[in-house]
Amino acid sequence: MEQEALSTEHLQKLLPAVQRGAAECSQAISAWCSAPLSMTVERVGQSTLQQATGLLGSGDSAVCACLMGMHGSCTGQMLLGFEDASGLTLADLILGRPDASTTVWGEVEISAAMETINIVGSAFLNGLAADLAERSGMDIRLLPTPPVFLRDYAASLLESAFMDQALSESRLVYTETRFELCGRPIAWTFLWIPDAESLGDLRTLLQSLPLPGRQ
């Protein structure tokens, strides 16, 4: 049976929390990359796993992803995805190399990418938990797990990364984001996807919160 989706009102209540997570992420990743890099939440949406494949690209070429689990008050996954060119641009930036000087993924480049999701994911969860805790008066704790690096076509990558959701045939609740480096868009994708088991608890928590802009 398909997991009940969050309502439009639930998503409105969740938006300020993920926006705060993105703001904290922007500060952390700018410091890590030693460059002005921003992460902005485009929307909080929901879809089937098959529909979500397009979030990682057209599906015509392989994409890379750093995958990190989440546990605590909510469980699920976080994913930082990119095609080879934009991912290797990230590695060059972090490693202090000229842009486009790296053409293949080696151990050093993969390590740089995984440390980036460590920083992005931890900062995002800190902001998300802080906002939900302040608005609910509850003790909200969200903790990351060690990341893994994956490279595959988008459909295969998402199916392997979110196997639990695929098996339960549940709808995914996700954040879709935009990254900019020095004011220019870069083709990175960050997804925060609670698992099916957490959606009920998340729904209950959001139900207790006022709509943004209301007391």
N, C-alpha and C. Protein backbone atom coordinates (compact mmCIF):
# COMPACT_ATOMS: atom_id res chain seq x y z
N MET A 1 0.85 -1.20 0.00
CA MET A 1 0.00 0.00 0.00
C MET A 1 0.88 1.24 0.00
N GLU A 2 0.55 2.22 -0.84
CA GLU A 2 1.38 3.42 -0.96
C GLU A 2 1.25 4.31 0.27
N GLN A 3 2.40 4.76 0.77
CA GLN A 3 2.42 5.65 1.93
C GLN A 3 1.69 6.95 1.60
N GLU A 4 0.84 7.37 2.52
CA GLU A 4 0.12 8.63 2.30
C GLU A 4 1.10 9.78 2.14
N ALA A 5 0.87 10.63 1.15
CA ALA A 5 1.75 11.77 0.90
C ALA A 5 1.47 12.88 1.90
N LEU A 6 2.44 13.73 2.10
CA LEU A 6 2.22 14.91 2.92
C LEU A 6 1.30 15.87 2.18
N SER A 7 0.49 16.59 2.94
CA SER A 7 -0.41 17.56 2.33
C SER A 7 0.35 18.82 1.94
N THR A 8 -0.30 19.67 1.16
CA THR A 8 0.30 20.95 0.79
C THR A 8 0.61 21.78 2.03
N GLU A 9 -0.25 21.71 3.03
CA GLU A 9 -0.01 22.45 4.27
C GLU A 9 1.21 21.91 5.00
N HIS A 10 1.38 20.61 5.02
CA HIS A 10 2.57 20.02 5.64
C HIS A 10 3.84 20.52 4.95
N LEU A 11 3.82 20.53 3.62
CA LEU A 11 4.99 20.97 2.88
C LEU A 11 5.30 22.44 3.13
N GLN A 12 4.26 23.26 3.29
CA GLN A 12 4.47 24.69 3.62
C GLN A 12 5.14 24.83 4.98
N LYS A 13 4.76 23.98 5.92
CA LYS A 13 5.34 24.04 7.25
C LYS A 13 6.78 23.51 7.28
N LEU A 14 7.08 22.59 6.38
CA LEU A 14 8.43 22.04 6.30
C LEU A 14 9.40 22.98 5.62
N LEU A 15 8.91 23.83 4.72
CA LEU A 15 9.77 24.68 3.91
C LEU A 15 10.73 25.56 4.73
N PRO A 16 10.27 26.27 5.80
CA PRO A 16 11.22 27.09 6.55
C PRO A 16 12.38 26.29 7.15
N ALA A 17 12.12 25.04 7.53
CA ALA A 17 13.17 24.22 8.12
C ALA A 17 14.23 23.86 7.08
N VAL A 18 13.81 23.48 5.88
CA VAL A 18 14.79 23.13 4.87
C VAL A 18 15.50 24.38 4.34
N GLN A 19 14.83 25.51 4.36
CA GLN A 19 15.49 26.76 3.97
C GLN A 19 16.58 27.13 4.96
N ARG A 20 16.32 26.92 6.24
CA ARG A 20 17.36 27.19 7.24
C ARG A 20 18.51 26.21 7.07
N GLY A 21 18.19 24.96 6.78
CA GLY A 21 19.24 23.99 6.52
C GLY A 21 20.11 24.41 5.35
N ALA A 22 19.48 24.92 4.28
CA ALA A 22 20.23 25.37 3.11
C ALA A 22 21.10 26.57 3.43
N ALA A 23 20.60 27.48 4.26
CA ALA A 23 21.38 28.67 4.63
C ALA A 23 22.64 28.26 5.41
N GLU A 24 22.49 27.33 6.35
CA GLU A 24 23.65 26.88 7.11
C GLU A 24 24.62 26.10 6.21
N CYS A 25 24.06 25.37 5.27
CA CYS A 25 24.88 24.64 4.32
C CYS A 25 25.70 25.61 3.46
N SER A 26 25.09 26.71 3.02
CA SER A 26 25.79 27.70 2.20
C SER A 26 27.01 28.26 2.92
N GLN A 27 26.86 28.57 4.20
CA GLN A 27 27.98 29.09 4.98
C GLN A 27 29.09 28.05 5.10
N ALA A 28 28.70 26.82 5.40
CA ALA A 28 29.69 25.77 5.62
C ALA A 28 30.45 25.41 4.35
N ILE A 29 29.74 25.30 3.23
CA ILE A 29 30.40 24.88 2.00
C ILE A 29 31.23 26.01 1.41
N SER A 30 30.84 27.27 1.64
CA SER A 30 31.65 28.40 1.19
C SER A 30 32.99 28.40 1.91
N ALA A 31 32.95 28.12 3.21
CA ALA A 31 34.20 28.06 3.99
C ALA A 31 35.05 26.88 3.53
N TRP A 32 34.42 25.75 3.25
CA TRP A 32 35.14 24.55 2.82
C TRP A 32 35.80 24.75 1.46
N CYS A 33 35.09 25.40 0.54
CA CYS A 33 35.60 25.58 -0.81
C CYS A 33 36.42 26.87 -0.98
N SER A 34 36.42 27.71 0.05
CA SER A 34 37.12 29.01 -0.01
C SER A 34 36.63 29.83 -1.19
N ALA A 35 35.32 29.79 -1.41
CA ALA A 35 34.70 30.53 -2.51
C ALA A 35 33.23 30.77 -2.16
N PRO A 36 32.64 31.89 -2.66
CA PRO A 36 31.22 32.16 -2.38
C PRO A 36 30.31 31.17 -3.10
N LEU A 37 29.80 30.21 -2.37
CA LEU A 37 28.96 29.16 -2.94
C LEU A 37 27.66 29.11 -2.17
N SER A 38 26.55 29.19 -2.86
CA SER A 38 25.26 29.24 -2.18
C SER A 38 24.39 28.05 -2.59
N MET A 39 23.55 27.63 -1.64
CA MET A 39 22.57 26.57 -1.88
C MET A 39 21.20 27.13 -1.55
N THR A 40 20.28 27.07 -2.49
CA THR A 40 18.94 27.61 -2.33
C THR A 40 17.92 26.51 -2.56
N VAL A 41 16.91 26.45 -1.70
CA VAL A 41 15.85 25.46 -1.87
C VAL A 41 14.89 25.95 -2.96
N GLU A 42 14.78 25.17 -4.02
CA GLU A 42 13.84 25.48 -5.09
C GLU A 42 12.41 25.15 -4.67
N ARG A 43 12.25 23.98 -4.07
CA ARG A 43 10.93 23.57 -3.60
C ARG A 43 11.05 22.32 -2.75
N VAL A 44 10.03 22.06 -1.99
CA VAL A 44 9.87 20.78 -1.31
C VAL A 44 8.76 20.07 -2.06
N GLY A 45 9.05 18.91 -2.61
CA GLY A 45 8.07 18.22 -3.44
C GLY A 45 7.92 16.78 -3.04
N GLN A 46 7.10 16.07 -3.77
CA GLN A 46 6.93 14.65 -3.55
C GLN A 46 6.56 13.98 -4.87
N SER A 47 7.02 12.76 -5.04
CA SER A 47 6.80 12.05 -6.29
C SER A 47 7.08 10.58 -6.06
N THR A 48 6.82 9.78 -7.08
CA THR A 48 7.26 8.39 -7.03
C THR A 48 8.76 8.35 -7.32
N LEU A 49 9.38 7.23 -7.00
CA LEU A 49 10.80 7.08 -7.27
C LEU A 49 11.09 7.20 -8.76
N GLN A 50 10.24 6.64 -9.59
CA GLN A 50 10.44 6.71 -11.04
C GLN A 50 10.39 8.15 -11.53
N GLN A 51 9.45 8.94 -11.01
CA GLN A 51 9.34 10.34 -11.41
C GLN A 51 10.54 11.15 -10.95
N ALA A 52 11.15 10.75 -9.82
CA ALA A 52 12.27 11.50 -9.26
C ALA A 52 13.57 11.33 -10.03
N THR A 53 13.62 10.35 -10.94
CA THR A 53 14.85 10.10 -11.70
C THR A 53 15.33 11.35 -12.43
N GLY A 54 14.40 12.14 -12.96
CA GLY A 54 14.77 13.34 -13.70
C GLY A 54 15.47 14.39 -12.87
N LEU A 55 15.40 14.29 -11.54
CA LEU A 55 16.08 15.25 -10.68
C LEU A 55 17.60 15.15 -10.81
N LEU A 56 18.09 13.99 -11.24
CA LEU A 56 19.54 13.78 -11.34
C LEU A 56 20.06 13.92 -12.77
N GLY A 57 19.20 14.24 -13.72
CA GLY A 57 19.68 14.41 -15.09
C GLY A 57 18.77 13.72 -16.08
N SER A 58 19.19 13.76 -17.33
CA SER A 58 18.36 13.24 -18.42
C SER A 58 18.33 11.73 -18.46
N GLY A 59 19.31 11.08 -17.85
CA GLY A 59 19.38 9.63 -17.88
C GLY A 59 20.20 9.09 -19.03
N ASP A 60 20.70 9.97 -19.92
CA ASP A 60 21.47 9.53 -21.08
C ASP A 60 22.94 9.29 -20.77
N SER A 61 23.41 9.80 -19.65
CA SER A 61 24.82 9.62 -19.28
C SER A 61 24.92 9.30 -17.80
N ALA A 62 26.05 8.74 -17.42
CA ALA A 62 26.26 8.38 -16.03
C ALA A 62 26.37 9.63 -15.16
N VAL A 63 25.90 9.51 -13.95
CA VAL A 63 26.01 10.59 -12.98
C VAL A 63 26.69 10.04 -11.73
N CYS A 64 27.24 10.93 -10.94
CA CYS A 64 27.89 10.56 -9.68
C CYS A 64 27.04 11.07 -8.52
N ALA A 65 27.17 10.39 -7.42
CA ALA A 65 26.43 10.82 -6.23
C ALA A 65 27.20 10.43 -4.99
N CYS A 66 27.21 11.32 -4.03
CA CYS A 66 27.68 11.02 -2.69
C CYS A 66 26.43 10.83 -1.83
N LEU A 67 26.29 9.66 -1.27
CA LEU A 67 25.08 9.29 -0.52
C LEU A 67 25.40 9.21 0.96
N MET A 68 24.55 9.82 1.76
CA MET A 68 24.74 9.83 3.21
C MET A 68 23.41 9.54 3.90
N GLY A 69 23.44 8.66 4.87
CA GLY A 69 22.24 8.33 5.62
C GLY A 69 21.96 9.35 6.71
N MET A 70 20.75 9.31 7.23
CA MET A 70 20.31 10.20 8.31
C MET A 70 19.59 9.35 9.34
N HIS A 71 19.88 9.58 10.63
CA HIS A 71 19.17 8.87 11.68
C HIS A 71 18.90 9.83 12.84
N GLY A 72 18.15 9.37 13.79
CA GLY A 72 17.74 10.22 14.91
C GLY A 72 16.24 10.41 14.91
N SER A 73 15.79 11.65 15.02
CA SER A 73 14.36 11.94 15.05
C SER A 73 13.68 11.64 13.71
N CYS A 74 14.45 11.58 12.65
CA CYS A 74 13.94 11.24 11.32
C CYS A 74 15.02 10.43 10.61
N THR A 75 14.62 9.41 9.89
CA THR A 75 15.59 8.59 9.17
C THR A 75 15.37 8.74 7.67
N GLY A 76 16.43 8.50 6.91
CA GLY A 76 16.33 8.65 5.47
C GLY A 76 17.71 8.80 4.85
N GLN A 77 17.76 9.49 3.71
CA GLN A 77 18.99 9.63 2.96
C GLN A 77 19.17 11.06 2.47
N MET A 78 20.42 11.44 2.29
CA MET A 78 20.78 12.68 1.60
C MET A 78 21.69 12.33 0.44
N LEU A 79 21.57 13.06 -0.64
CA LEU A 79 22.34 12.76 -1.83
C LEU A 79 22.82 14.05 -2.48
N LEU A 80 24.12 14.11 -2.75
CA LEU A 80 24.70 15.21 -3.52
C LEU A 80 25.10 14.62 -4.87
N GLY A 81 24.39 15.02 -5.92
CA GLY A 81 24.61 14.43 -7.23
C GLY A 81 25.14 15.43 -8.25
N PHE A 82 25.88 14.91 -9.22
CA PHE A 82 26.45 15.76 -10.27
C PHE A 82 26.93 14.88 -11.42
N GLU A 83 26.95 15.45 -12.61
CA GLU A 83 27.60 14.77 -13.73
C GLU A 83 29.10 14.90 -13.58
N ASP A 84 29.85 14.13 -14.35
CA ASP A 84 31.30 14.10 -14.17
C ASP A 84 31.93 15.49 -14.21
N ALA A 85 31.55 16.29 -15.22
CA ALA A 85 32.22 17.59 -15.40
C ALA A 85 32.03 18.50 -14.20
N SER A 86 30.79 18.63 -13.71
CA SER A 86 30.55 19.52 -12.57
C SER A 86 31.12 18.94 -11.28
N GLY A 87 31.14 17.61 -11.17
CA GLY A 87 31.73 17.01 -9.98
C GLY A 87 33.23 17.19 -9.93
N LEU A 88 33.89 17.06 -11.08
CA LEU A 88 35.33 17.25 -11.13
C LEU A 88 35.70 18.72 -10.95
N THR A 89 34.79 19.63 -11.35
CA THR A 89 35.00 21.05 -11.06
C THR A 89 35.04 21.27 -9.55
N LEU A 90 34.15 20.57 -8.84
CA LEU A 90 34.15 20.63 -7.37
C LEU A 90 35.49 20.14 -6.82
N ALA A 91 35.98 19.02 -7.34
CA ALA A 91 37.25 18.49 -6.86
C ALA A 91 38.39 19.47 -7.11
N ASP A 92 38.43 20.07 -8.31
CA ASP A 92 39.48 21.06 -8.62
C ASP A 92 39.42 22.23 -7.65
N LEU A 93 38.21 22.69 -7.36
CA LEU A 93 38.04 23.84 -6.47
C LEU A 93 38.57 23.52 -5.07
N ILE A 94 38.19 22.37 -4.55
CA ILE A 94 38.60 21.99 -3.20
C ILE A 94 40.09 21.73 -3.12
N LEU A 95 40.65 21.12 -4.16
CA LEU A 95 42.06 20.75 -4.14
C LEU A 95 42.98 21.87 -4.61
N GLY A 96 42.38 23.03 -4.93
CA GLY A 96 43.20 24.18 -5.32
C GLY A 96 43.83 24.05 -6.68
N ARG A 97 43.19 23.32 -7.58
CA ARG A 97 43.72 23.14 -8.93
C ARG A 97 43.03 24.09 -9.90
N PRO A 98 43.65 24.37 -11.04
CA PRO A 98 42.98 25.17 -12.07
C PRO A 98 41.71 24.45 -12.54
N ASP A 99 40.69 25.22 -12.88
CA ASP A 99 39.43 24.64 -13.34
C ASP A 99 39.65 23.77 -14.58
N ALA A 100 38.98 22.62 -14.62
CA ALA A 100 39.03 21.69 -15.74
C ALA A 100 40.36 20.96 -15.87
N SER A 101 41.18 20.97 -14.82
CA SER A 101 42.45 20.26 -14.90
C SER A 101 42.30 18.78 -14.57
N THR A 102 41.23 18.41 -13.89
CA THR A 102 40.99 17.01 -13.53
C THR A 102 39.97 16.41 -14.50
N THR A 103 40.29 15.25 -15.06
CA THR A 103 39.42 14.64 -16.07
C THR A 103 38.89 13.27 -15.67
N VAL A 104 39.42 12.66 -14.63
CA VAL A 104 38.96 11.34 -14.19
C VAL A 104 38.84 11.32 -12.67
N TRP A 105 37.99 10.41 -12.20
CA TRP A 105 37.83 10.24 -10.76
C TRP A 105 38.90 9.31 -10.20
N GLY A 106 39.73 9.85 -9.33
CA GLY A 106 40.71 9.05 -8.60
C GLY A 106 40.37 9.05 -7.12
N GLU A 107 41.19 8.41 -6.32
CA GLU A 107 40.91 8.32 -4.88
C GLU A 107 40.86 9.70 -4.23
N VAL A 108 41.76 10.59 -4.63
CA VAL A 108 41.80 11.92 -4.02
C VAL A 108 40.54 12.70 -4.37
N GLU A 109 40.11 12.63 -5.62
CA GLU A 109 38.93 13.36 -6.06
C GLU A 109 37.66 12.81 -5.39
N ILE A 110 37.57 11.50 -5.27
CA ILE A 110 36.42 10.90 -4.61
C ILE A 110 36.40 11.28 -3.13
N SER A 111 37.56 11.29 -2.51
CA SER A 111 37.65 11.68 -1.10
C SER A 111 37.18 13.12 -0.90
N ALA A 112 37.56 14.02 -1.83
CA ALA A 112 37.14 15.42 -1.74
C ALA A 112 35.63 15.54 -1.87
N ALA A 113 35.05 14.77 -2.79
CA ALA A 113 33.60 14.81 -2.97
C ALA A 113 32.87 14.28 -1.74
N MET A 114 33.38 13.20 -1.14
CA MET A 114 32.72 12.63 0.04
C MET A 114 32.85 13.56 1.25
N GLU A 115 33.97 14.24 1.37
CA GLU A 115 34.08 15.19 2.47
C GLU A 115 33.12 16.36 2.27
N THR A 116 32.84 16.69 1.02
CA THR A 116 31.88 17.76 0.73
C THR A 116 30.48 17.38 1.21
N ILE A 117 30.03 16.15 0.93
CA ILE A 117 28.70 15.75 1.41
C ILE A 117 28.69 15.63 2.92
N ASN A 118 29.84 15.29 3.53
CA ASN A 118 29.93 15.31 4.99
C ASN A 118 29.58 16.69 5.52
N ILE A 119 30.18 17.70 4.92
CA ILE A 119 29.99 19.08 5.37
C ILE A 119 28.59 19.57 5.02
N VAL A 120 28.16 19.33 3.76
CA VAL A 120 26.84 19.75 3.32
C VAL A 120 25.74 19.09 4.15
N GLY A 121 25.83 17.76 4.29
CA GLY A 121 24.79 17.03 5.00
C GLY A 121 24.71 17.39 6.46
N SER A 122 25.86 17.51 7.12
CA SER A 122 25.86 17.84 8.55
C SER A 122 25.28 19.23 8.80
N ALA A 123 25.70 20.20 7.99
CA ALA A 123 25.19 21.56 8.15
C ALA A 123 23.70 21.63 7.87
N PHE A 124 23.26 20.93 6.83
CA PHE A 124 21.84 20.93 6.49
C PHE A 124 21.01 20.34 7.62
N LEU A 125 21.44 19.21 8.16
CA LEU A 125 20.69 18.58 9.24
C LEU A 125 20.68 19.44 10.50
N ASN A 126 21.79 20.11 10.79
CA ASN A 126 21.83 21.00 11.95
C ASN A 126 20.80 22.11 11.84
N GLY A 127 20.74 22.75 10.66
CA GLY A 127 19.77 23.82 10.46
C GLY A 127 18.34 23.33 10.49
N LEU A 128 18.10 22.19 9.85
CA LEU A 128 16.77 21.60 9.81
C LEU A 128 16.29 21.26 11.21
N ALA A 129 17.13 20.58 11.99
CA ALA A 129 16.75 20.18 13.34
C ALA A 129 16.54 21.39 14.24
N ALA A 130 17.41 22.40 14.11
CA ALA A 130 17.28 23.58 14.96
C ALA A 130 15.95 24.29 14.72
N ASP A 131 15.57 24.42 13.45
CA ASP A 131 14.30 25.10 13.13
C ASP A 131 13.11 24.31 13.66
N LEU A 132 13.08 23.02 13.42
CA LEU A 132 11.95 22.21 13.88
C LEU A 132 11.88 22.17 15.41
N ALA A 133 13.04 22.13 16.07
CA ALA A 133 13.05 22.12 17.53
C ALA A 133 12.54 23.43 18.10
N GLU A 134 12.97 24.55 17.52
CA GLU A 134 12.53 25.85 18.02
C GLU A 134 11.04 26.06 17.84
N ARG A 135 10.50 25.63 16.71
CA ARG A 135 9.08 25.85 16.44
C ARG A 135 8.17 24.86 17.15
N SER A 136 8.69 23.66 17.45
CA SER A 136 7.85 22.65 18.08
C SER A 136 8.04 22.55 19.59
N GLY A 137 9.18 23.07 20.08
CA GLY A 137 9.50 22.93 21.49
C GLY A 137 9.94 21.51 21.85
N MET A 138 10.24 20.70 20.85
CA MET A 138 10.65 19.32 21.06
C MET A 138 12.16 19.17 20.87
N ASP A 139 12.68 18.07 21.38
CA ASP A 139 14.10 17.76 21.20
C ASP A 139 14.26 17.02 19.88
N ILE A 140 14.71 17.73 18.85
CA ILE A 140 14.87 17.15 17.52
C ILE A 140 16.37 16.96 17.25
N ARG A 141 16.74 15.73 16.96
CA ARG A 141 18.14 15.44 16.66
C ARG A 141 18.23 14.68 15.34
N LEU A 142 19.05 15.19 14.44
CA LEU A 142 19.26 14.56 13.14
C LEU A 142 20.76 14.38 12.95
N LEU A 143 21.19 13.16 12.76
CA LEU A 143 22.61 12.84 12.70
C LEU A 143 22.94 12.14 11.38
N PRO A 144 24.09 12.49 10.77
CA PRO A 144 24.49 11.86 9.51
C PRO A 144 25.26 10.57 9.74
N THR A 145 25.30 9.72 8.72
CA THR A 145 26.12 8.52 8.72
C THR A 145 27.25 8.71 7.71
N PRO A 146 28.29 7.88 7.75
CA PRO A 146 29.40 8.03 6.78
C PRO A 146 28.90 7.91 5.35
N PRO A 147 29.46 8.71 4.43
CA PRO A 147 28.99 8.72 3.04
C PRO A 147 29.62 7.61 2.19
N VAL A 148 28.97 7.37 1.06
CA VAL A 148 29.54 6.47 0.04
C VAL A 148 29.48 7.20 -1.30
N PHE A 149 30.36 6.82 -2.22
CA PHE A 149 30.41 7.42 -3.55
C PHE A 149 29.87 6.42 -4.56
N LEU A 150 28.95 6.87 -5.42
CA LEU A 150 28.33 6.01 -6.42
C LEU A 150 28.44 6.67 -7.79
N ARG A 151 28.52 5.83 -8.83
CA ARG A 151 28.52 6.35 -10.20
C ARG A 151 27.73 5.37 -11.07
N ASP A 152 26.65 5.86 -11.67
CA ASP A 152 25.78 4.99 -12.47
C ASP A 152 24.81 5.88 -13.24
N TYR A 153 23.94 5.28 -14.04
CA TYR A 153 22.87 6.04 -14.68
C TYR A 153 21.85 6.44 -13.62
N ALA A 154 21.16 7.55 -13.84
CA ALA A 154 20.31 8.14 -12.81
C ALA A 154 19.28 7.17 -12.26
N ALA A 155 18.59 6.45 -13.13
CA ALA A 155 17.54 5.54 -12.68
C ALA A 155 18.11 4.43 -11.80
N SER A 156 19.21 3.82 -12.23
CA SER A 156 19.83 2.75 -11.45
C SER A 156 20.37 3.27 -10.13
N LEU A 157 20.94 4.47 -10.18
CA LEU A 157 21.52 5.05 -8.98
C LEU A 157 20.44 5.32 -7.93
N LEU A 158 19.34 5.93 -8.35
CA LEU A 158 18.27 6.23 -7.40
C LEU A 158 17.62 4.96 -6.86
N GLU A 159 17.45 3.97 -7.71
CA GLU A 159 16.84 2.72 -7.26
C GLU A 159 17.70 2.02 -6.22
N SER A 160 19.02 2.03 -6.43
CA SER A 160 19.91 1.39 -5.46
C SER A 160 20.04 2.22 -4.19
N ALA A 161 20.04 3.55 -4.33
CA ALA A 161 20.19 4.43 -3.18
C ALA A 161 18.95 4.42 -2.29
N PHE A 162 17.78 4.30 -2.92
CA PHE A 162 16.53 4.39 -2.17
C PHE A 162 15.72 3.11 -2.34
N MET A 163 16.39 1.97 -2.12
CA MET A 163 15.75 0.67 -2.30
C MET A 163 14.56 0.49 -1.37
N ASP A 164 14.67 0.96 -0.12
CA ASP A 164 13.56 0.80 0.82
C ASP A 164 12.30 1.48 0.32
N GLN A 165 12.46 2.69 -0.21
CA GLN A 165 11.31 3.41 -0.75
C GLN A 165 10.75 2.69 -1.97
N ALA A 166 11.64 2.14 -2.81
CA ALA A 166 11.18 1.44 -4.00
C ALA A 166 10.38 0.20 -3.63
N LEU A 167 10.85 -0.55 -2.62
CA LEU A 167 10.17 -1.77 -2.22
C LEU A 167 8.82 -1.48 -1.58
N SER A 168 8.74 -0.35 -0.84
CA SER A 168 7.48 -0.02 -0.17
C SER A 168 6.51 0.70 -1.10
N GLU A 169 6.99 1.06 -2.30
CA GLU A 169 6.18 1.78 -3.28
C GLU A 169 5.63 3.08 -2.70
N SER A 170 6.38 3.68 -1.79
CA SER A 170 5.93 4.92 -1.16
C SER A 170 6.30 6.11 -2.03
N ARG A 171 5.65 7.21 -1.78
CA ARG A 171 6.01 8.45 -2.46
C ARG A 171 7.19 9.08 -1.72
N LEU A 172 8.10 9.67 -2.49
CA LEU A 172 9.26 10.35 -1.92
C LEU A 172 8.90 11.78 -1.58
N VAL A 173 9.27 12.21 -0.40
CA VAL A 173 9.24 13.63 -0.05
C VAL A 173 10.68 14.11 -0.14
N TYR A 174 10.94 15.16 -0.90
CA TYR A 174 12.31 15.55 -1.16
C TYR A 174 12.44 17.07 -1.24
N THR A 175 13.66 17.54 -1.05
CA THR A 175 13.97 18.94 -1.32
C THR A 175 14.75 19.01 -2.62
N GLU A 176 14.42 19.97 -3.44
CA GLU A 176 15.13 20.21 -4.70
C GLU A 176 15.84 21.55 -4.56
N THR A 177 17.13 21.58 -4.85
CA THR A 177 17.94 22.75 -4.56
C THR A 177 18.67 23.27 -5.80
N ARG A 178 19.17 24.50 -5.68
CA ARG A 178 20.00 25.11 -6.72
C ARG A 178 21.29 25.59 -6.09
N PHE A 179 22.40 25.36 -6.75
CA PHE A 179 23.71 25.82 -6.27
C PHE A 179 24.23 26.92 -7.20
N GLU A 180 24.90 27.89 -6.63
CA GLU A 180 25.57 28.93 -7.40
C GLU A 180 26.98 29.14 -6.85
N LEU A 181 27.93 29.25 -7.76
CA LEU A 181 29.31 29.52 -7.41
C LEU A 181 29.69 30.87 -7.99
N CYS A 182 30.05 31.81 -7.12
CA CYS A 182 30.36 33.17 -7.55
C CYS A 182 29.23 33.77 -8.38
N GLY A 183 27.98 33.45 -8.01
CA GLY A 183 26.81 34.00 -8.69
C GLY A 183 26.39 33.27 -9.94
N ARG A 184 27.10 32.21 -10.32
CA ARG A 184 26.78 31.46 -11.53
C ARG A 184 26.25 30.08 -11.16
N PRO A 185 25.17 29.63 -11.79
CA PRO A 185 24.61 28.31 -11.48
C PRO A 185 25.61 27.20 -11.79
N ILE A 186 25.64 26.18 -10.94
CA ILE A 186 26.45 24.99 -11.19
C ILE A 186 25.54 23.77 -11.08
N ALA A 187 25.84 22.76 -11.86
CA ALA A 187 24.94 21.61 -12.00
C ALA A 187 25.17 20.57 -10.91
N TRP A 188 24.87 20.93 -9.68
CA TRP A 188 24.86 20.00 -8.57
C TRP A 188 23.43 19.84 -8.10
N THR A 189 23.11 18.69 -7.58
CA THR A 189 21.77 18.42 -7.05
C THR A 189 21.89 17.87 -5.65
N PHE A 190 21.18 18.46 -4.70
CA PHE A 190 21.13 17.94 -3.34
C PHE A 190 19.71 17.50 -3.05
N LEU A 191 19.56 16.26 -2.63
CA LEU A 191 18.25 15.72 -2.27
C LEU A 191 18.26 15.27 -0.82
N TRP A 192 17.23 15.66 -0.09
CA TRP A 192 16.99 15.17 1.27
C TRP A 192 15.69 14.39 1.23
N ILE A 193 15.77 13.09 1.51
CA ILE A 193 14.61 12.22 1.33
C ILE A 193 14.38 11.39 2.59
N PRO A 194 13.39 11.75 3.41
CA PRO A 194 13.04 10.91 4.56
C PRO A 194 12.51 9.56 4.07
N ASP A 195 12.74 8.51 4.84
CA ASP A 195 12.23 7.21 4.40
C ASP A 195 10.76 7.05 4.77
N ALA A 196 10.17 6.00 4.23
CA ALA A 196 8.72 5.79 4.40
C ALA A 196 8.33 5.67 5.86
N GLU A 197 9.19 5.02 6.67
CA GLU A 197 8.86 4.82 8.07
C GLU A 197 8.82 6.13 8.86
N SER A 198 9.57 7.13 8.39
CA SER A 198 9.63 8.41 9.10
C SER A 198 8.52 9.37 8.71
N LEU A 199 7.86 9.12 7.59
CA LEU A 199 6.88 10.08 7.11
C LEU A 199 5.72 10.27 8.08
N GLY A 200 5.31 9.19 8.75
CA GLY A 200 4.22 9.31 9.72
C GLY A 200 4.60 10.21 10.87
N ASP A 201 5.81 10.02 11.43
CA ASP A 201 6.27 10.86 12.53
C ASP A 201 6.45 12.30 12.08
N LEU A 202 6.98 12.47 10.86
CA LEU A 202 7.18 13.82 10.33
C LEU A 202 5.83 14.51 10.14
N ARG A 203 4.86 13.78 9.66
CA ARG A 203 3.53 14.33 9.44
C ARG A 203 2.91 14.80 10.77
N THR A 204 3.07 13.98 11.81
CA THR A 204 2.54 14.34 13.12
C THR A 204 3.21 15.60 13.67
N LEU A 205 4.52 15.68 13.51
CA LEU A 205 5.25 16.85 13.97
C LEU A 205 4.80 18.11 13.23
N LEU A 206 4.71 18.02 11.91
CA LEU A 206 4.32 19.19 11.12
C LEU A 206 2.89 19.61 11.41
N GLN A 207 2.04 18.65 11.71
CA GLN A 207 0.65 18.96 12.01
C GLN A 207 0.54 19.88 13.22
N SER A 208 1.47 19.76 14.17
CA SER A 208 1.42 20.55 15.40
C SER A 208 1.95 21.97 15.23
N LEU A 209 2.57 22.25 14.07
CA LEU A 209 3.19 23.56 13.86
C LEU A 209 2.22 24.52 13.19
N PRO A 210 2.33 25.83 13.51
CA PRO A 210 1.52 26.81 12.79
C PRO A 210 2.07 27.01 11.37
N LEU A 211 1.23 27.48 10.48
CA LEU A 211 1.69 27.82 9.15
C LEU A 211 2.66 28.99 9.22
N PRO A 212 3.66 29.04 8.35
CA PRO A 212 4.60 30.17 8.34
C PRO A 212 3.87 31.51 8.26
N GLY A 213 4.29 32.45 9.10
CA GLY A 213 3.67 33.76 9.11
C GLY A 213 2.52 33.90 10.07
N ARG A 214 2.16 32.77 10.74
CA ARG A 214 1.10 32.82 11.74
C ARG A 214 1.65 32.52 13.11
N GLN A 215 1.06 33.08 14.12
CA GLN A 215 1.48 32.82 15.49
C GLN A 215 0.86 31.53 15.97
